[in-house]
């Protein structure tokens, strides 16, 4: 890794992105961003897993079918099947090829569906880590990654590999980002109407923050990489939902969606109390923003993974200060 030089005038360039949700295209763009933007460090802020598995069903006569975005599509050639796999991966979903009987059996067994999903998610994450190792080998660029609320702990455990050189698992721990700056990462968020795997009530969330971030010697050169944004910070503005409907529905007033801050009060309190140099956040895809909470610059680059767009933030840090930052999209 290219570290801070001499008097610190150059600084360390950090490229931060988050919420790729299994998208093959955005992950590859993320790994390429180091070279493209001249970054020294890549930071992935969570929600790396996809959301569902799409079976490609083998029919009689050598044909296949799959339901993608609610529409049944049919494939007759190997090339069409490969194109379907690529499309599914582009959308951030997982695929598996099944015979009709296997599909019916699996569909009738929720535990089998869960096992298949975890296996496919772990397989993709391991392949992504291998890709990071190969693409970043010899560049000096390191890739730091944590999970988010949508990421299953059983899958995220695969990130801890002692043989990794370029890929660094940083979930629920403090890691050095360069010669002088530390980064603290925490994946949990406050409750959502979606009941995702890693949510916690605010008091528990505060305890989790304190467990990983409390007790440091100082916070002037510390980065909080917390998946949830701070409440009412402009990084967390989104449509308010009615949690009593299934699925949750938008609340509308005078014909317009009602917007509110969906972030965490505990995360905001921790930032205001400790005043780290920088806060890196995600979770609320539509709320790309940067805001100051005291001395702390907080950023959320947003996410458009479903369109294959990688949103990010390129920052230069030096001597406990954010020298510059720029939102990116590509």
C-alpha atoms as a PDB file:
ATOM      1  CA  UNK A   1       0.000   0.000   0.000  1.00  0.00           C
ATOM      2  CA  UNK A   2       1.228   3.497  -0.829  1.00  0.00           C
ATOM      3  CA  UNK A   3       1.422   5.172   2.555  1.00  0.00           C
ATOM      4  CA  UNK A   4       1.604   8.752   3.699  1.00  0.00           C
ATOM      5  CA  UNK A   5       4.816  10.338   2.525  1.00  0.00           C
ATOM      6  CA  UNK A   6       7.384  12.483   4.313  1.00  0.00           C
ATOM      7  CA  UNK A   7       5.670  15.558   5.675  1.00  0.00           C
ATOM      8  CA  UNK A   8       2.204  14.215   4.911  1.00  0.00           C
ATOM      9  CA  UNK A   9       1.563  16.728   2.132  1.00  0.00           C
ATOM     10  CA  UNK A  10       0.382  14.137  -0.365  1.00  0.00           C
ATOM     11  CA  UNK A  11      -1.958  12.302   1.948  1.00  0.00           C
ATOM     12  CA  UNK A  12      -3.731   9.015   1.382  1.00  0.00           C
ATOM     13  CA  UNK A  13      -6.391   8.728  -1.285  1.00  0.00           C
ATOM     14  CA  UNK A  14      -9.395   6.660  -0.201  1.00  0.00           C
ATOM     15  CA  UNK A  15     -12.136   5.436  -2.534  1.00  0.00           C
ATOM     16  CA  UNK A  16     -15.294   4.555  -0.605  1.00  0.00           C
ATOM     17  CA  UNK A  17     -18.335   2.734  -1.979  1.00  0.00           C
ATOM     18  CA  UNK A  18     -21.112   0.729  -0.400  1.00  0.00           C
ATOM     19  CA  UNK A  19     -24.279  -1.296  -0.995  1.00  0.00           C
ATOM     20  CA  UNK A  20     -23.302  -3.277  -4.092  1.00  0.00           C
ATOM     21  CA  UNK A  21     -25.788  -6.019  -3.098  1.00  0.00           C
ATOM     22  CA  UNK A  22     -24.211  -8.849  -5.053  1.00  0.00           C
ATOM     23  CA  UNK A  23     -23.839  -6.959  -8.337  1.00  0.00           C
ATOM     24  CA  UNK A  24     -20.993  -8.463 -10.352  1.00  0.00           C
ATOM     25  CA  UNK A  25     -20.593  -5.329 -12.456  1.00  0.00           C
ATOM     26  CA  UNK A  26     -20.382  -2.861  -9.565  1.00  0.00           C
ATOM     27  CA  UNK A  27     -17.911  -5.057  -7.645  1.00  0.00           C
ATOM     28  CA  UNK A  28     -15.587  -5.174 -10.651  1.00  0.00           C
ATOM     29  CA  UNK A  29     -15.910  -1.422 -11.055  1.00  0.00           C
ATOM     30  CA  UNK A  30     -15.083  -1.035  -7.359  1.00  0.00           C
ATOM     31  CA  UNK A  31     -11.868  -3.044  -7.712  1.00  0.00           C
ATOM     32  CA  UNK A  32     -10.919  -1.054 -10.818  1.00  0.00           C
ATOM     33  CA  UNK A  33     -11.577   2.263  -9.052  1.00  0.00           C
ATOM     34  CA  UNK A  34      -8.209   2.226  -7.292  1.00  0.00           C
ATOM     35  CA  UNK A  35      -6.270   2.453 -10.522  1.00  0.00           C
ATOM     36  CA  UNK A  36      -8.851   4.649 -12.262  1.00  0.00           C
ATOM     37  CA  UNK A  37      -8.965   7.302  -9.502  1.00  0.00           C
ATOM     38  CA  UNK A  38      -5.392   6.916  -8.316  1.00  0.00           C
ATOM     39  CA  UNK A  39      -6.568   5.716  -4.899  1.00  0.00           C
ATOM     40  CA  UNK A  40      -4.309   4.047  -2.354  1.00  0.00           C
ATOM     41  CA  UNK A  41      -7.117   2.398  -0.410  1.00  0.00           C
ATOM     42  CA  UNK A  42     -10.513   0.934  -1.337  1.00  0.00           C
ATOM     43  CA  UNK A  43     -13.191   0.745   1.366  1.00  0.00           C
ATOM     44  CA  UNK A  44     -16.418  -1.231   0.932  1.00  0.00           C
ATOM     45  CA  UNK A  45     -19.010  -0.125   3.467  1.00  0.00           C
ATOM     46  CA  UNK A  46     -21.392  -3.082   3.608  1.00  0.00           C
ATOM     47  CA  UNK A  47     -24.331  -4.895   2.041  1.00  0.00           C
ATOM     48  CA  UNK A  48     -22.144  -6.928  -0.282  1.00  0.00           C
ATOM     49  CA  UNK A  49     -24.561  -9.868  -0.547  1.00  0.00           C
ATOM     50  CA  UNK A  50     -27.334 -10.201  -3.104  1.00  0.00           C
ATOM     51  CA  UNK A  51     -30.969 -10.462  -2.100  1.00  0.00           C
ATOM     52  CA  UNK A  52     -32.295 -13.617  -3.772  1.00  0.00           C
ATOM     53  CA  UNK A  53     -31.606 -16.690  -5.886  1.00  0.00           C
ATOM     54  CA  UNK A  54     -33.120 -17.176  -9.334  1.00  0.00           C
ATOM     55  CA  UNK A  55     -33.376 -20.818 -10.447  1.00  0.00           C
ATOM     56  CA  UNK A  56     -32.736 -21.609 -14.094  1.00  0.00           C
ATOM     57  CA  UNK A  57     -34.917 -24.650 -14.666  1.00  0.00           C
ATOM     58  CA  UNK A  58     -33.896 -27.341 -17.136  1.00  0.00           C
ATOM     59  CA  UNK A  59     -36.955 -28.473 -19.101  1.00  0.00           C
ATOM     60  CA  UNK A  60     -37.563 -31.454 -21.335  1.00  0.00           C
ATOM     61  CA  UNK A  61     -35.975 -31.205 -24.754  1.00  0.00           C
ATOM     62  CA  UNK A  62     -32.963 -29.266 -23.526  1.00  0.00           C
ATOM     63  CA  UNK A  63     -34.757 -25.942 -23.025  1.00  0.00           C
ATOM     64  CA  UNK A  64     -34.471 -23.742 -19.923  1.00  0.00           C
ATOM     65  CA  UNK A  65     -36.597 -21.105 -18.239  1.00  0.00           C
ATOM     66  CA  UNK A  66     -36.133 -18.543 -15.496  1.00  0.00           C
ATOM     67  CA  UNK A  67     -38.337 -15.887 -13.918  1.00  0.00           C
ATOM     68  CA  UNK A  68     -36.493 -12.558 -13.887  1.00  0.00           C
ATOM     69  CA  UNK A  69     -38.224  -9.445 -12.553  1.00  0.00           C
ATOM     70  CA  UNK A  70     -41.549 -11.290 -12.640  1.00  0.00           C
ATOM     71  CA  UNK A  71     -41.271 -12.278 -16.302  1.00  0.00           C
ATOM     72  CA  UNK A  72     -40.708 -15.869 -17.444  1.00  0.00           C
ATOM     73  CA  UNK A  73     -37.881 -16.045 -19.989  1.00  0.00           C
ATOM     74  CA  UNK A  74     -37.032 -19.120 -22.099  1.00  0.00           C
ATOM     75  CA  UNK A  75     -33.587 -20.176 -23.372  1.00  0.00           C
ATOM     76  CA  UNK A  76     -32.733 -22.779 -25.967  1.00  0.00           C
ATOM     77  CA  UNK A  77     -28.970 -22.541 -26.464  1.00  0.00           C
ATOM     78  CA  UNK A  78     -25.965 -22.641 -24.156  1.00  0.00           C
ATOM     79  CA  UNK A  79     -25.153 -19.082 -25.222  1.00  0.00           C
ATOM     80  CA  UNK A  80     -28.598 -17.902 -24.125  1.00  0.00           C
ATOM     81  CA  UNK A  81     -28.199 -19.629 -20.752  1.00  0.00           C
ATOM     82  CA  UNK A  82     -24.803 -17.981 -20.248  1.00  0.00           C
ATOM     83  CA  UNK A  83     -26.304 -14.607 -21.152  1.00  0.00           C
ATOM     84  CA  UNK A  84     -29.055 -15.202 -18.578  1.00  0.00           C
ATOM     85  CA  UNK A  85     -26.470 -16.011 -15.892  1.00  0.00           C
ATOM     86  CA  UNK A  86     -24.622 -12.795 -16.707  1.00  0.00           C
ATOM     87  CA  UNK A  87     -27.850 -10.778 -16.556  1.00  0.00           C
ATOM     88  CA  UNK A  88     -28.775 -12.277 -13.190  1.00  0.00           C
ATOM     89  CA  UNK A  89     -25.323 -11.499 -11.804  1.00  0.00           C
ATOM     90  CA  UNK A  90     -25.521  -7.955 -13.200  1.00  0.00           C
ATOM     91  CA  UNK A  91     -28.726  -7.448 -11.204  1.00  0.00           C
ATOM     92  CA  UNK A  92     -27.028  -8.694  -8.030  1.00  0.00           C
ATOM     93  CA  UNK A  93     -28.928 -11.988  -7.829  1.00  0.00           C
ATOM     94  CA  UNK A  94     -27.602 -15.544  -7.612  1.00  0.00           C
ATOM     95  CA  UNK A  95     -28.449 -18.337 -10.042  1.00  0.00           C
ATOM     96  CA  UNK A  96     -28.598 -22.102  -9.883  1.00  0.00           C
ATOM     97  CA  UNK A  97     -29.519 -24.639 -12.591  1.00  0.00           C
ATOM     98  CA  UNK A  98     -32.077 -27.264 -11.547  1.00  0.00           C
ATOM     99  CA  UNK A  99     -34.172 -29.997 -13.072  1.00  0.00           C
ATOM    100  CA  UNK A 100     -37.930 -29.578 -12.697  1.00  0.00           C
ATOM    101  CA  UNK A 101     -38.167 -32.198  -9.913  1.00  0.00           C
ATOM    102  CA  UNK A 102     -35.281 -30.658  -7.956  1.00  0.00           C
ATOM    103  CA  UNK A 103     -36.894 -27.245  -8.277  1.00  0.00           C
ATOM    104  CA  UNK A 104     -40.219 -28.492  -6.883  1.00  0.00           C
ATOM    105  CA  UNK A 105     -38.506 -30.283  -3.993  1.00  0.00           C
ATOM    106  CA  UNK A 106     -36.375 -27.280  -3.072  1.00  0.00           C
ATOM    107  CA  UNK A 107     -39.245 -24.825  -3.353  1.00  0.00           C
ATOM    108  CA  UNK A 108     -41.243 -26.889  -0.848  1.00  0.00           C
ATOM    109  CA  UNK A 109     -38.424 -26.815   1.748  1.00  0.00           C
ATOM    110  CA  UNK A 110     -37.681 -23.357   3.208  1.00  0.00           C
ATOM    111  CA  UNK A 111     -34.566 -24.638   4.991  1.00  0.00           C
ATOM    112  CA  UNK A 112     -33.201 -25.964   1.684  1.00  0.00           C
ATOM    113  CA  UNK A 113     -33.823 -22.566   0.085  1.00  0.00           C
ATOM    114  CA  UNK A 114     -31.926 -20.858   2.916  1.00  0.00           C
ATOM    115  CA  UNK A 115     -28.998 -23.293   2.648  1.00  0.00           C
ATOM    116  CA  UNK A 116     -28.778 -22.820  -1.102  1.00  0.00           C
ATOM    117  CA  UNK A 117     -28.830 -19.030  -0.749  1.00  0.00           C
ATOM    118  CA  UNK A 118     -26.048 -19.030   1.855  1.00  0.00           C
ATOM    119  CA  UNK A 119     -23.916 -21.425  -0.205  1.00  0.00           C
ATOM    120  CA  UNK A 120     -24.270 -19.317  -3.362  1.00  0.00           C
ATOM    121  CA  UNK A 121     -23.617 -16.060  -1.487  1.00  0.00           C
ATOM    122  CA  UNK A 122     -20.504 -17.482   0.144  1.00  0.00           C
ATOM    123  CA  UNK A 123     -19.270 -18.839  -3.189  1.00  0.00           C
ATOM    124  CA  UNK A 124     -19.605 -15.396  -4.820  1.00  0.00           C
ATOM    125  CA  UNK A 125     -17.960 -13.597  -1.906  1.00  0.00           C
ATOM    126  CA  UNK A 126     -14.979 -15.958  -1.984  1.00  0.00           C
ATOM    127  CA  UNK A 127     -14.680 -15.479  -5.741  1.00  0.00           C
ATOM    128  CA  UNK A 128     -14.817 -11.705  -5.245  1.00  0.00           C
ATOM    129  CA  UNK A 129     -12.036 -11.890  -2.664  1.00  0.00           C
ATOM    130  CA  UNK A 130      -9.948 -13.986  -5.047  1.00  0.00           C
ATOM    131  CA  UNK A 131     -10.589 -11.382  -7.749  1.00  0.00           C
ATOM    132  CA  UNK A 132      -9.442  -8.618  -5.394  1.00  0.00           C
ATOM    133  CA  UNK A 133      -6.256 -10.518  -4.638  1.00  0.00           C
ATOM    134  CA  UNK A 134      -5.448 -11.039  -8.324  1.00  0.00           C
ATOM    135  CA  UNK A 135      -6.430  -7.563  -9.572  1.00  0.00           C
ATOM    136  CA  UNK A 136      -4.659  -5.666  -6.789  1.00  0.00           C
ATOM    137  CA  UNK A 137      -1.545  -7.849  -6.611  1.00  0.00           C
ATOM    138  CA  UNK A 138       1.565  -5.730  -7.055  1.00  0.00           C
ATOM    139  CA  UNK A 139      -0.351  -2.415  -7.093  1.00  0.00           C
ATOM    140  CA  UNK A 140       0.107  -1.557  -3.417  1.00  0.00           C
ATOM    141  CA  UNK A 141      -3.653  -0.908  -3.213  1.00  0.00           C
ATOM    142  CA  UNK A 142      -5.534  -2.618  -0.408  1.00  0.00           C
ATOM    143  CA  UNK A 143      -9.256  -3.369  -0.272  1.00  0.00           C
ATOM    144  CA  UNK A 144     -11.004  -3.119   3.116  1.00  0.00           C
ATOM    145  CA  UNK A 145     -14.493  -4.611   3.411  1.00  0.00           C
ATOM    146  CA  UNK A 146     -17.217  -4.891   6.009  1.00  0.00           C
ATOM    147  CA  UNK A 147     -20.742  -6.213   5.822  1.00  0.00           C
ATOM    148  CA  UNK A 148     -24.017  -4.401   6.403  1.00  0.00           C
ATOM    149  CA  UNK A 149     -27.476  -5.161   7.721  1.00  0.00           C
ATOM    150  CA  UNK A 150     -28.411  -7.342   4.730  1.00  0.00           C
ATOM    151  CA  UNK A 151     -25.309  -9.523   5.086  1.00  0.00           C
ATOM    152  CA  UNK A 152     -25.580 -12.878   6.852  1.00  0.00           C
ATOM    153  CA  UNK A 153     -22.843 -13.473   9.461  1.00  0.00           C
ATOM    154  CA  UNK A 154     -22.288 -17.038   8.223  1.00  0.00           C
ATOM    155  CA  UNK A 155     -21.359 -15.645   4.811  1.00  0.00           C
ATOM    156  CA  UNK A 156     -19.338 -12.715   6.144  1.00  0.00           C
ATOM    157  CA  UNK A 157     -17.181 -15.119   8.195  1.00  0.00           C
ATOM    158  CA  UNK A 158     -15.632 -16.196   4.884  1.00  0.00           C
ATOM    159  CA  UNK A 159     -13.893 -12.798   4.679  1.00  0.00           C
ATOM    160  CA  UNK A 160     -11.437 -13.754   7.424  1.00  0.00           C
ATOM    161  CA  UNK A 161      -8.639 -15.400   5.484  1.00  0.00           C
ATOM    162  CA  UNK A 162      -5.131 -15.397   6.972  1.00  0.00           C
ATOM    163  CA  UNK A 163      -3.541 -15.762   3.525  1.00  0.00           C
ATOM    164  CA  UNK A 164      -5.052 -12.534   2.121  1.00  0.00           C
ATOM    165  CA  UNK A 165      -2.636  -9.800   1.119  1.00  0.00           C
ATOM    166  CA  UNK A 166      -4.715  -7.158  -0.685  1.00  0.00           C
ATOM    167  CA  UNK A 167      -8.145  -7.963   0.804  1.00  0.00           C
ATOM    168  CA  UNK A 168      -8.662  -6.943   4.443  1.00  0.00           C
ATOM    169  CA  UNK A 169     -11.712  -7.968   6.471  1.00  0.00           C
ATOM    170  CA  UNK A 170     -12.487  -5.122   8.874  1.00  0.00           C
ATOM    171  CA  UNK A 171     -15.925  -5.905  10.263  1.00  0.00           C
ATOM    172  CA  UNK A 172     -16.353  -5.179  13.991  1.00  0.00           C
ATOM    173  CA  UNK A 173     -12.717  -4.237  14.480  1.00  0.00           C
ATOM    174  CA  UNK A 174     -10.175  -1.427  14.377  1.00  0.00           C
ATOM    175  CA  UNK A 175      -7.650  -1.560  11.521  1.00  0.00           C
ATOM    176  CA  UNK A 176      -4.859   0.787  10.392  1.00  0.00           C
ATOM    177  CA  UNK A 177      -5.711   2.431   7.079  1.00  0.00           C
ATOM    178  CA  UNK A 178      -2.244   3.895   6.576  1.00  0.00           C
ATOM    179  CA  UNK A 179       0.685   4.954   8.753  1.00  0.00           C
ATOM    180  CA  UNK A 180      -1.385   7.228  10.987  1.00  0.00           C
ATOM    181  CA  UNK A 181      -5.143   6.770  10.483  1.00  0.00           C
ATOM    182  CA  UNK A 182      -7.335   4.063  12.036  1.00  0.00           C
ATOM    183  CA  UNK A 183     -10.700   2.832  10.762  1.00  0.00           C
ATOM    184  CA  UNK A 184     -13.470   1.340  12.918  1.00  0.00           C
ATOM    185  CA  UNK A 185     -16.191  -0.678  11.125  1.00  0.00           C
ATOM    186  CA  UNK A 186     -19.598  -1.828  12.378  1.00  0.00           C
ATOM    187  CA  UNK A 187     -22.333  -3.437  10.216  1.00  0.00           C
ATOM    188  CA  UNK A 188     -25.493  -3.210  12.342  1.00  0.00           C
ATOM    189  CA  UNK A 189     -28.291  -0.670  11.741  1.00  0.00           C
ATOM    190  CA  UNK A 190     -31.343   0.527  13.639  1.00  0.00           C
ATOM    191  CA  UNK A 191     -34.633  -1.364  13.009  1.00  0.00           C
ATOM    192  CA  UNK A 192     -36.149  -1.274   9.514  1.00  0.00           C
ATOM    193  CA  UNK A 193     -39.532  -2.483   8.190  1.00  0.00           C
ATOM    194  CA  UNK A 194     -37.685  -5.176   6.244  1.00  0.00           C
ATOM    195  CA  UNK A 195     -36.427  -7.117   9.314  1.00  0.00           C
ATOM    196  CA  UNK A 196     -32.980  -7.712   7.830  1.00  0.00           C
ATOM    197  CA  UNK A 197     -30.384 -10.028   9.433  1.00  0.00           C
ATOM    198  CA  UNK A 198     -28.404  -7.394  11.330  1.00  0.00           C
ATOM    199  CA  UNK A 199     -30.620  -4.841  12.976  1.00  0.00           C
ATOM    200  CA  UNK A 200     -30.697  -3.788  16.622  1.00  0.00           C
ATOM    201  CA  UNK A 201     -32.736  -1.446  18.823  1.00  0.00           C
ATOM    202  CA  UNK A 202     -30.956   1.824  19.480  1.00  0.00           C
ATOM    203  CA  UNK A 203     -29.750   0.914  23.021  1.00  0.00           C
ATOM    204  CA  UNK A 204     -28.165  -2.306  21.718  1.00  0.00           C
ATOM    205  CA  UNK A 205     -26.752  -0.461  18.728  1.00  0.00           C
ATOM    206  CA  UNK A 206     -25.123   2.026  21.096  1.00  0.00           C
ATOM    207  CA  UNK A 207     -23.540  -0.881  22.988  1.00  0.00           C
ATOM    208  CA  UNK A 208     -22.217  -2.356  19.751  1.00  0.00           C
ATOM    209  CA  UNK A 209     -20.700   0.974  18.763  1.00  0.00           C
ATOM    210  CA  UNK A 210     -19.077   1.374  22.157  1.00  0.00           C
ATOM    211  CA  UNK A 211     -17.728  -2.194  22.084  1.00  0.00           C
ATOM    212  CA  UNK A 212     -15.833  -1.620  18.843  1.00  0.00           C
ATOM    213  CA  UNK A 213     -15.115   2.134  18.952  1.00  0.00           C
ATOM    214  CA  UNK A 214     -14.831   3.010  22.639  1.00  0.00           C
ATOM    215  CA  UNK A 215     -11.579   3.242  24.523  1.00  0.00           C
ATOM    216  CA  UNK A 216      -9.279   4.441  21.757  1.00  0.00           C
ATOM    217  CA  UNK A 217      -6.441   6.743  22.769  1.00  0.00           C
ATOM    218  CA  UNK A 218      -7.827   9.548  20.580  1.00  0.00           C
ATOM    219  CA  UNK A 219     -10.244  10.096  17.715  1.00  0.00           C
ATOM    220  CA  UNK A 220      -8.633  12.920  15.755  1.00  0.00           C
ATOM    221  CA  UNK A 221      -7.230  10.452  13.209  1.00  0.00           C
ATOM    222  CA  UNK A 222     -10.032   7.867  13.364  1.00  0.00           C
ATOM    223  CA  UNK A 223     -12.604   6.970  10.695  1.00  0.00           C
ATOM    224  CA  UNK A 224     -16.006   5.506  11.631  1.00  0.00           C
ATOM    225  CA  UNK A 225     -17.071   3.111   8.858  1.00  0.00           C
ATOM    226  CA  UNK A 226     -20.605   2.509  10.171  1.00  0.00           C
ATOM    227  CA  UNK A 227     -23.174   1.165   7.725  1.00  0.00           C
ATOM    228  CA  UNK A 228     -26.060   3.139   9.223  1.00  0.00           C
ATOM    229  CA  UNK A 229     -25.966   6.905   8.690  1.00  0.00           C
ATOM    230  CA  UNK A 230     -26.571   9.311  11.583  1.00  0.00           C
ATOM    231  CA  UNK A 231     -30.196  10.344  12.114  1.00  0.00           C
ATOM    232  CA  UNK A 232     -31.405  13.570  10.472  1.00  0.00           C
ATOM    233  CA  UNK A 233     -28.060  14.277   8.837  1.00  0.00           C
ATOM    234  CA  UNK A 234     -29.249  14.505   5.174  1.00  0.00           C
ATOM    235  CA  UNK A 235     -27.374  11.206   4.640  1.00  0.00           C
ATOM    236  CA  UNK A 236     -30.501   9.316   5.712  1.00  0.00           C
ATOM    237  CA  UNK A 237     -33.395  11.056   3.934  1.00  0.00           C
ATOM    238  CA  UNK A 238     -35.853   8.616   2.344  1.00  0.00           C
ATOM    239  CA  UNK A 239     -39.596   8.006   1.912  1.00  0.00           C
ATOM    240  CA  UNK A 240     -41.400   7.155   5.135  1.00  0.00           C
ATOM    241  CA  UNK A 241     -43.020   3.713   5.024  1.00  0.00           C
ATOM    242  CA  UNK A 242     -46.108   2.212   6.612  1.00  0.00           C
ATOM    243  CA  UNK A 243     -44.756  -0.817   8.484  1.00  0.00           C
ATOM    244  CA  UNK A 244     -48.241  -2.339   8.950  1.00  0.00           C
ATOM    245  CA  UNK A 245     -48.638  -3.314   5.284  1.00  0.00           C
ATOM    246  CA  UNK A 246     -46.972  -6.269   3.533  1.00  0.00           C
ATOM    247  CA  UNK A 247     -44.833  -5.224   1.801  1.00  0.00           C
ATOM    248  CA  UNK A 248     -44.338  -1.853   3.538  1.00  0.00           C
ATOM    249  CA  UNK A 249     -45.880   0.974   1.508  1.00  0.00           C
ATOM    250  CA  UNK A 250     -44.998   4.644   1.074  1.00  0.00           C
ATOM    251  CA  UNK A 251     -46.824   7.206   3.194  1.00  0.00           C
ATOM    252  CA  UNK A 252     -48.204   9.963   0.977  1.00  0.00           C
ATOM    253  CA  UNK A 253     -49.471  13.423   1.940  1.00  0.00           C
ATOM    254  CA  UNK A 254     -50.974  15.907  -0.535  1.00  0.00           C
ATOM    255  CA  UNK A 255     -49.984  13.552  -3.327  1.00  0.00           C
ATOM    256  CA  UNK A 256     -46.301  13.553  -2.378  1.00  0.00           C
ATOM    257  CA  UNK A 257     -44.204  10.927  -0.550  1.00  0.00           C
ATOM    258  CA  UNK A 258     -43.458  11.905   3.047  1.00  0.00           C
ATOM    259  CA  UNK A 259     -39.694  12.050   3.598  1.00  0.00           C
ATOM    260  CA  UNK A 260     -37.885  11.591   6.901  1.00  0.00           C
ATOM    261  CA  UNK A 261     -34.510  10.736   8.404  1.00  0.00           C
ATOM    262  CA  UNK A 262     -34.217   6.956   8.772  1.00  0.00           C
ATOM    263  CA  UNK A 263     -30.729   6.899  10.263  1.00  0.00           C
ATOM    264  CA  UNK A 264     -29.582   5.949  13.738  1.00  0.00           C
ATOM    265  CA  UNK A 265     -29.716   8.155  16.822  1.00  0.00           C
ATOM    266  CA  UNK A 266     -27.002   6.002  18.431  1.00  0.00           C
ATOM    267  CA  UNK A 267     -24.654   6.466  15.479  1.00  0.00           C
ATOM    268  CA  UNK A 268     -25.258  10.210  15.555  1.00  0.00           C
ATOM    269  CA  UNK A 269     -24.649  10.350  19.321  1.00  0.00           C
ATOM    270  CA  UNK A 270     -21.375   8.425  18.954  1.00  0.00           C
ATOM    271  CA  UNK A 271     -20.144  10.751  16.206  1.00  0.00           C
ATOM    272  CA  UNK A 272     -21.074  13.856  18.184  1.00  0.00           C
ATOM    273  CA  UNK A 273     -19.413  12.473  21.310  1.00  0.00           C
ATOM    274  CA  UNK A 274     -16.165  11.119  19.839  1.00  0.00           C
ATOM    275  CA  UNK A 275     -15.828  13.524  16.888  1.00  0.00           C
ATOM    276  CA  UNK A 276     -13.836  11.224  14.582  1.00  0.00           C
ATOM    277  CA  UNK A 277     -12.135  12.702  11.549  1.00  0.00           C
ATOM    278  CA  UNK A 278     -14.526  11.056   9.089  1.00  0.00           C
ATOM    279  CA  UNK A 279     -17.752   9.037   8.977  1.00  0.00           C
ATOM    280  CA  UNK A 280     -18.351   6.602   6.087  1.00  0.00           C
ATOM    281  CA  UNK A 281     -21.970   5.477   5.749  1.00  0.00           C
ATOM    282  CA  UNK A 282     -24.430   3.816   3.367  1.00  0.00           C
ATOM    283  CA  UNK A 283     -27.693   1.882   3.833  1.00  0.00           C
ATOM    284  CA  UNK A 284     -29.992   4.629   2.466  1.00  0.00           C
ATOM    285  CA  UNK A 285     -29.365   4.256  -1.261  1.00  0.00           C
ATOM    286  CA  UNK A 286     -31.215   7.353  -2.435  1.00  0.00           C
ATOM    287  CA  UNK A 287     -29.554   9.756  -0.014  1.00  0.00           C
ATOM    288  CA  UNK A 288     -26.200  10.685  -1.530  1.00  0.00           C
ATOM    289  CA  UNK A 289     -24.874  13.495   0.662  1.00  0.00           C
ATOM    290  CA  UNK A 290     -22.015  14.916   2.702  1.00  0.00           C
ATOM    291  CA  UNK A 291     -22.539  16.773   5.975  1.00  0.00           C
ATOM    292  CA  UNK A 292     -20.575  18.027   8.960  1.00  0.00           C
ATOM    293  CA  UNK A 293     -21.449  16.960  12.509  1.00  0.00           C
ATOM    294  CA  UNK A 294     -19.131  19.154  14.506  1.00  0.00           C
ATOM    295  CA  UNK A 295     -15.634  18.531  13.146  1.00  0.00           C
ATOM    296  CA  UNK A 296     -16.655  15.202  11.587  1.00  0.00           C
ATOM    297  CA  UNK A 297     -17.298  15.017   7.848  1.00  0.00           C
ATOM    298  CA  UNK A 298     -19.886  12.295   7.161  1.00  0.00           C
ATOM    299  CA  UNK A 299     -20.516  10.963   3.648  1.00  0.00           C
ATOM    300  CA  UNK A 300     -22.987   8.618   1.986  1.00  0.00           C
ATOM    301  CA  UNK A 301     -22.219   8.075  -1.724  1.00  0.00           C
ATOM    302  CA  UNK A 302     -25.576   6.383  -2.341  1.00  0.00           C
ATOM    303  CA  UNK A 303     -26.117   3.270  -4.447  1.00  0.00           C
ATOM    304  CA  UNK A 304     -27.464   2.409  -7.894  1.00  0.00           C
ATOM    305  CA  UNK A 305     -26.227  -1.177  -8.029  1.00  0.00           C
ATOM    306  CA  UNK A 306     -29.361  -2.375  -9.848  1.00  0.00           C
ATOM    307  CA  UNK A 307     -28.455  -0.211 -12.841  1.00  0.00           C
ATOM    308  CA  UNK A 308     -24.820  -1.312 -12.743  1.00  0.00           C
ATOM    309  CA  UNK A 309     -23.723   2.185 -11.658  1.00  0.00           C
ATOM    310  CA  UNK A 310     -21.018   2.442  -9.002  1.00  0.00           C
ATOM    311  CA  UNK A 311     -21.467   5.495  -6.813  1.00  0.00           C
ATOM    312  CA  UNK A 312     -18.524   6.381  -4.613  1.00  0.00           C
ATOM    313  CA  UNK A 313     -16.637   9.072  -2.782  1.00  0.00           C
ATOM    314  CA  UNK A 314     -12.964   9.845  -3.392  1.00  0.00           C
ATOM    315  CA  UNK A 315     -11.283  11.410  -0.359  1.00  0.00           C
ATOM    316  CA  UNK A 316      -7.782  12.588   0.445  1.00  0.00           C
ATOM    317  CA  UNK A 317      -6.842  12.359   4.124  1.00  0.00           C
ATOM    318  CA  UNK A 318      -3.674  13.595   5.836  1.00  0.00           C
ATOM    319  CA  UNK A 319      -2.648  14.488   9.376  1.00  0.00           C
ATOM    320  CA  UNK A 320      -6.110  13.856  10.800  1.00  0.00           C
ATOM    321  CA  UNK A 321      -7.901  15.995   8.224  1.00  0.00           C
ATOM    322  CA  UNK A 322     -10.025  15.387   5.155  1.00  0.00           C
ATOM    323  CA  UNK A 323      -8.159  17.525   2.631  1.00  0.00           C
ATOM    324  CA  UNK A 324     -10.684  17.006  -0.160  1.00  0.00           C
ATOM    325  CA  UNK A 325     -13.589  14.828  -1.220  1.00  0.00           C
ATOM    326  CA  UNK A 326     -15.554  14.286  -4.409  1.00  0.00           C
ATOM    327  CA  UNK A 327     -18.634  12.195  -5.133  1.00  0.00           C
ATOM    328  CA  UNK A 328     -18.257   9.931  -8.174  1.00  0.00           C
ATOM    329  CA  UNK A 329     -20.455   7.810 -10.417  1.00  0.00           C
ATOM    330  CA  UNK A 330     -19.529   5.474 -13.237  1.00  0.00           C
END
